[in-house]
């Protein structure tokens, strides 16, 4: 059964499955999109692939053909039975029934690499939209031993994640992603590519984890605290935001600080690059 639409409908009928709204489920039925995700992930037999929220296993099937091992992390108990039965004959398939935010991914990757067969770890997923940001931040901030993260997410979120800091669509999360990874847009996915159709358009993006740091602030946590505080009141100037959120003692301190860095005192947070934020946090 090559046709993904027919296959998906068949599985949903067989197991009496309806997409769960609360879990943000939309089943991918576009073969072209599946192929593109797998292709741009550049998976080989030396790779461990962690798939988050595999659902009915549409993407899983293709990943298993190419990867050394695929570990699927699925929260929905109804999907567990389907995935187990569907991929029971694959010896490179493992299934974890849990919330990905509670799974020790570092340990998972380390254990697989110790077998000697796995050299790289990659995340490939069609992420549930309601929890996209916490998942991506966990993957990046936990400094996991990953090569890349290829995910399909809501278009608006994707645009913010892969924006260049200081340019259009910049938000606090833009700087985090930019600090940890090189990002690229792979393709836009219309809502007709899913059952049921979501109300939003999706995008596939790829984050390649940086080997070298792009900036070296004295205290990384301090830098991100400054960035987060700056964007809490995005419509205000940087000085007002940092002052209102207790980062500055007073506005005068901010004016003096920006002056020494040759930054306009009326600058807004989204106009600054990550280098400027690193310098500001170092001065503080």
Protein backbone atom coordinates (compact mmCIF):
# COMPACT_ATOMS: atom_id res chain seq x y z
CA UNK A 1 0.00 0.00 0.00
CA UNK A 2 2.12 2.92 -1.30
CA UNK A 3 -0.42 5.64 -1.03
CA UNK A 4 0.03 7.37 2.35
CA UNK A 5 -3.55 8.72 2.34
CA UNK A 6 -5.08 5.26 1.89
CA UNK A 7 -2.68 3.73 4.39
CA UNK A 8 -3.46 6.39 7.02
CA UNK A 9 -7.22 6.01 6.55
CA UNK A 10 -6.86 2.23 6.75
CA UNK A 11 -4.90 2.41 10.04
CA UNK A 12 -7.30 4.95 11.55
CA UNK A 13 -10.26 2.74 10.66
CA UNK A 14 -8.61 -0.49 11.78
CA UNK A 15 -7.72 0.90 15.22
CA UNK A 16 -10.72 3.21 15.46
CA UNK A 17 -8.45 6.25 15.80
CA UNK A 18 -9.45 9.89 15.82
CA UNK A 19 -6.81 12.60 16.01
CA UNK A 20 -6.56 13.99 19.55
CA UNK A 21 -7.03 17.75 19.67
CA UNK A 22 -5.58 18.00 23.17
CA UNK A 23 -2.38 16.31 21.99
CA UNK A 24 -2.24 18.48 18.87
CA UNK A 25 -2.45 15.51 16.53
CA UNK A 26 -2.60 15.97 12.76
CA UNK A 27 -1.55 13.00 10.69
CA UNK A 28 0.76 13.73 7.77
CA UNK A 29 -0.49 12.33 4.46
CA UNK A 30 1.80 14.05 1.95
CA UNK A 31 4.39 11.64 0.54
CA UNK A 32 6.47 14.43 -0.97
CA UNK A 33 6.80 16.14 2.42
CA UNK A 34 7.78 12.86 4.14
CA UNK A 35 10.48 12.26 1.52
CA UNK A 36 11.78 15.81 1.81
CA UNK A 37 12.04 15.60 5.64
CA UNK A 38 13.94 12.32 5.44
CA UNK A 39 16.17 13.50 2.60
CA UNK A 40 17.24 16.77 4.26
CA UNK A 41 17.95 14.92 7.54
CA UNK A 42 20.76 13.12 5.68
CA UNK A 43 20.34 9.92 7.65
CA UNK A 44 22.81 7.05 7.39
CA UNK A 45 23.22 3.64 9.05
CA UNK A 46 25.61 5.24 11.56
CA UNK A 47 22.84 7.50 12.86
CA UNK A 48 20.54 7.23 15.82
CA UNK A 49 17.29 9.05 15.04
CA UNK A 50 15.05 10.22 17.87
CA UNK A 51 11.52 10.78 16.60
CA UNK A 52 9.24 12.76 18.90
CA UNK A 53 5.50 12.15 18.55
CA UNK A 54 5.54 9.57 15.73
CA UNK A 55 1.74 9.19 15.79
CA UNK A 56 0.70 6.50 13.31
CA UNK A 57 4.30 6.02 12.14
CA UNK A 58 4.15 7.59 8.67
CA UNK A 59 7.58 9.17 9.04
CA UNK A 60 8.91 6.34 11.22
CA UNK A 61 8.61 3.86 8.38
CA UNK A 62 10.98 5.86 6.17
CA UNK A 63 13.40 6.60 9.01
CA UNK A 64 13.72 2.90 9.89
CA UNK A 65 14.80 2.08 6.34
CA UNK A 66 17.73 4.50 6.52
CA UNK A 67 18.89 4.85 10.14
CA UNK A 68 21.04 2.59 12.28
CA UNK A 69 18.41 2.90 14.98
CA UNK A 70 15.17 4.83 15.52
CA UNK A 71 13.89 5.59 19.02
CA UNK A 72 10.33 6.88 19.01
CA UNK A 73 9.00 8.83 21.98
CA UNK A 74 5.20 8.81 22.04
CA UNK A 75 2.90 10.04 24.79
CA UNK A 76 -0.45 8.78 23.44
CA UNK A 77 -1.16 5.23 24.63
CA UNK A 78 -3.46 4.59 21.66
CA UNK A 79 -0.52 5.08 19.28
CA UNK A 80 1.74 2.69 21.21
CA UNK A 81 -0.19 -0.41 20.15
CA UNK A 82 -0.24 0.71 16.51
CA UNK A 83 3.49 1.47 16.42
CA UNK A 84 4.39 -1.80 18.17
CA UNK A 85 2.36 -3.88 15.73
CA UNK A 86 3.43 -1.89 12.69
CA UNK A 87 7.16 -2.08 13.30
CA UNK A 88 7.58 -5.29 15.30
CA UNK A 89 9.70 -6.84 12.54
CA UNK A 90 12.31 -4.07 12.56
CA UNK A 91 15.28 -4.83 14.80
CA UNK A 92 16.41 -1.16 14.78
CA UNK A 93 13.17 0.13 16.33
CA UNK A 94 12.62 1.16 19.97
CA UNK A 95 9.56 2.76 21.50
CA UNK A 96 9.31 4.87 24.66
CA UNK A 97 5.84 5.66 26.00
CA UNK A 98 6.47 8.95 27.79
CA UNK A 99 6.44 12.73 27.59
CA UNK A 100 9.65 13.78 25.80
CA UNK A 101 10.17 16.56 28.36
CA UNK A 102 10.56 13.87 31.03
CA UNK A 103 12.95 11.63 29.11
CA UNK A 104 16.71 11.70 29.79
CA UNK A 105 17.79 12.14 26.18
CA UNK A 106 21.46 12.62 27.12
CA UNK A 107 21.55 9.14 28.68
CA UNK A 108 19.67 7.68 25.72
CA UNK A 109 22.20 9.02 23.21
CA UNK A 110 25.19 8.04 25.36
CA UNK A 111 23.95 4.44 25.69
CA UNK A 112 23.45 4.09 21.94
CA UNK A 113 26.87 5.53 21.12
CA UNK A 114 28.51 3.09 23.52
CA UNK A 115 27.34 0.19 21.35
CA UNK A 116 29.90 1.33 18.76
CA UNK A 117 27.47 1.12 15.85
CA UNK A 118 26.10 4.65 16.29
CA UNK A 119 28.25 7.70 15.56
CA UNK A 120 25.70 10.52 15.31
CA UNK A 121 22.38 11.39 16.88
CA UNK A 122 19.68 13.38 15.09
CA UNK A 123 16.15 14.44 15.97
CA UNK A 124 13.50 14.20 13.27
CA UNK A 125 9.88 14.96 14.11
CA UNK A 126 6.51 16.35 13.17
CA UNK A 127 6.14 18.18 16.49
CA UNK A 128 2.83 18.79 18.25
CA UNK A 129 2.27 22.54 17.79
CA UNK A 130 1.11 23.28 21.33
CA UNK A 131 4.45 22.21 22.84
CA UNK A 132 6.94 23.07 20.08
CA UNK A 133 8.93 25.73 21.93
CA UNK A 134 9.55 23.79 25.20
CA UNK A 135 10.70 20.75 23.20
CA UNK A 136 13.12 22.71 21.00
CA UNK A 137 14.48 24.63 23.99
CA UNK A 138 15.05 21.34 25.85
CA UNK A 139 16.91 19.90 22.86
CA UNK A 140 19.15 22.97 22.62
CA UNK A 141 19.65 24.07 26.23
CA UNK A 142 20.43 20.56 27.51
CA UNK A 143 23.45 20.64 25.19
CA UNK A 144 22.64 17.17 23.92
CA UNK A 145 25.16 15.33 21.77
CA UNK A 146 23.13 15.99 18.62
CA UNK A 147 24.16 16.78 15.06
CA UNK A 148 20.88 18.20 13.85
CA UNK A 149 17.19 18.74 14.56
CA UNK A 150 14.79 18.54 11.61
CA UNK A 151 11.22 19.36 12.58
CA UNK A 152 7.90 20.33 11.11
CA UNK A 153 6.24 23.09 13.12
CA UNK A 154 3.74 25.94 12.74
CA UNK A 155 4.89 28.49 10.16
CA UNK A 156 4.76 31.54 12.47
CA UNK A 157 6.84 29.76 15.10
CA UNK A 158 9.29 28.53 12.46
CA UNK A 159 9.78 32.08 11.14
CA UNK A 160 10.65 33.30 14.63
CA UNK A 161 12.98 30.40 15.38
CA UNK A 162 15.06 30.72 12.23
CA UNK A 163 15.09 34.51 11.93
CA UNK A 164 18.45 36.29 12.06
CA UNK A 165 18.72 38.25 15.34
CA UNK A 166 18.23 41.95 14.73
CA UNK A 167 16.09 41.34 11.64
CA UNK A 168 12.35 40.85 11.00
CA UNK A 169 10.47 38.31 13.18
CA UNK A 170 13.07 38.49 15.97
CA UNK A 171 11.91 37.29 19.39
CA UNK A 172 13.80 36.20 22.53
CA UNK A 173 13.81 32.58 21.31
CA UNK A 174 15.50 33.66 18.04
CA UNK A 175 18.70 34.43 19.95
CA UNK A 176 18.68 31.06 21.74
CA UNK A 177 18.31 29.11 18.52
CA UNK A 178 20.95 31.27 16.80
CA UNK A 179 23.38 30.76 19.69
CA UNK A 180 23.13 26.97 19.55
CA UNK A 181 22.48 26.22 15.89
CA UNK A 182 22.64 27.18 12.25
CA UNK A 183 19.07 27.20 10.98
CA UNK A 184 17.46 26.87 7.58
CA UNK A 185 14.00 26.62 6.13
CA UNK A 186 13.43 23.43 4.17
CA UNK A 187 9.88 23.81 2.86
CA UNK A 188 6.43 25.18 3.55
CA UNK A 189 3.70 22.60 4.08
CA UNK A 190 0.06 23.44 3.26
CA UNK A 191 -2.63 22.35 5.75
CA UNK A 192 -4.09 20.03 3.11
CA UNK A 193 -1.10 17.74 3.83
CA UNK A 194 -2.75 16.47 7.03
CA UNK A 195 -5.75 14.57 8.37
CA UNK A 196 -7.51 16.43 9.92
CA UNK A 197 -6.45 19.71 8.31
CA UNK A 198 -4.98 22.10 10.90
CA UNK A 199 -5.98 25.75 10.70
CA UNK A 200 -2.38 26.80 10.16
CA UNK A 201 0.33 26.35 7.56
CA UNK A 202 3.43 24.41 8.62
CA UNK A 203 7.11 24.63 7.84
CA UNK A 204 9.94 22.14 7.96
CA UNK A 205 13.11 23.62 9.41
CA UNK A 206 16.55 22.17 10.08
CA UNK A 207 18.80 23.22 12.94
CA UNK A 208 22.42 22.10 12.62
CA UNK A 209 24.11 22.26 16.01
CA UNK A 210 27.10 24.61 16.05
CA UNK A 211 30.50 23.11 16.80
CA UNK A 212 31.98 26.54 17.61
CA UNK A 213 30.33 29.18 19.79
CA UNK A 214 29.17 32.26 17.89
CA UNK A 215 29.72 34.57 20.91
CA UNK A 216 31.58 34.03 24.18
CA UNK A 217 29.86 36.07 26.90
CA UNK A 218 31.37 35.97 30.40
CA UNK A 219 28.10 34.44 31.66
CA UNK A 220 25.76 32.80 29.12
CA UNK A 221 22.86 32.62 31.59
CA UNK A 222 23.23 36.31 32.32
CA UNK A 223 23.14 37.09 28.57
CA UNK A 224 19.93 35.10 28.07
CA UNK A 225 18.41 36.69 31.15
CA UNK A 226 19.10 40.13 29.65
CA UNK A 227 17.59 39.02 26.30
CA UNK A 228 14.50 37.53 27.97
CA UNK A 229 13.96 40.67 30.04
CA UNK A 230 14.46 42.90 26.97
CA UNK A 231 11.70 41.09 25.09
CA UNK A 232 9.17 41.02 27.93
CA UNK A 233 8.08 44.47 26.79
CA UNK A 234 9.06 44.35 23.15
CA UNK A 235 7.29 47.58 22.19
CA UNK A 236 9.39 49.58 24.65
CA UNK A 237 12.97 50.71 24.13
CA UNK A 238 15.70 48.41 25.40
CA UNK A 239 16.53 50.73 28.31
CA UNK A 240 12.88 50.90 29.44
CA UNK A 241 12.46 47.12 29.22
CA UNK A 242 15.65 46.37 31.14
CA UNK A 243 14.87 49.04 33.70
CA UNK A 244 11.27 47.84 34.24
CA UNK A 245 12.45 44.25 34.66
CA UNK A 246 15.12 45.06 37.23
CA UNK A 247 18.17 44.41 35.07
CA UNK A 248 19.30 48.03 35.37
CA UNK A 249 19.58 50.03 38.61
CA UNK A 250 18.10 53.00 36.75
CA UNK A 251 17.73 54.46 33.26
CA UNK A 252 20.90 56.53 33.69
CA UNK A 253 22.92 53.33 34.05
CA UNK A 254 21.39 52.10 30.76
CA UNK A 255 22.12 55.33 28.90
CA UNK A 256 25.75 55.27 30.11
CA UNK A 257 26.15 51.60 29.25
CA UNK A 258 24.81 51.97 25.68
CA UNK A 259 26.94 55.07 25.17
CA UNK A 260 30.15 53.14 25.95
CA UNK A 261 29.10 50.51 23.40
CA UNK A 262 28.15 53.05 20.73
CA UNK A 263 24.53 51.88 20.72
CA UNK A 264 21.66 54.35 20.26
CA UNK A 265 19.90 54.90 23.60
CA UNK A 266 16.47 54.62 21.90
CA UNK A 267 17.23 51.22 20.38
CA UNK A 268 14.55 48.52 20.60
CA UNK A 269 15.47 44.94 21.59
CA UNK A 270 14.71 43.43 18.17
CA UNK A 271 17.20 45.77 16.49
CA UNK A 272 20.19 44.26 18.28
CA UNK A 273 22.29 41.29 17.21
CA UNK A 274 23.46 38.61 19.65
CA UNK A 275 26.94 40.22 19.72
CA UNK A 276 25.46 43.43 21.17
CA UNK A 277 23.53 41.51 23.82
CA UNK A 278 26.73 39.64 24.76
CA UNK A 279 28.56 42.97 25.18
CA UNK A 280 25.70 44.45 27.23
CA UNK A 281 25.59 41.44 29.58
CA UNK A 282 29.40 41.52 29.93
CA UNK A 283 29.26 45.20 30.93
CA UNK A 284 26.55 44.45 33.48
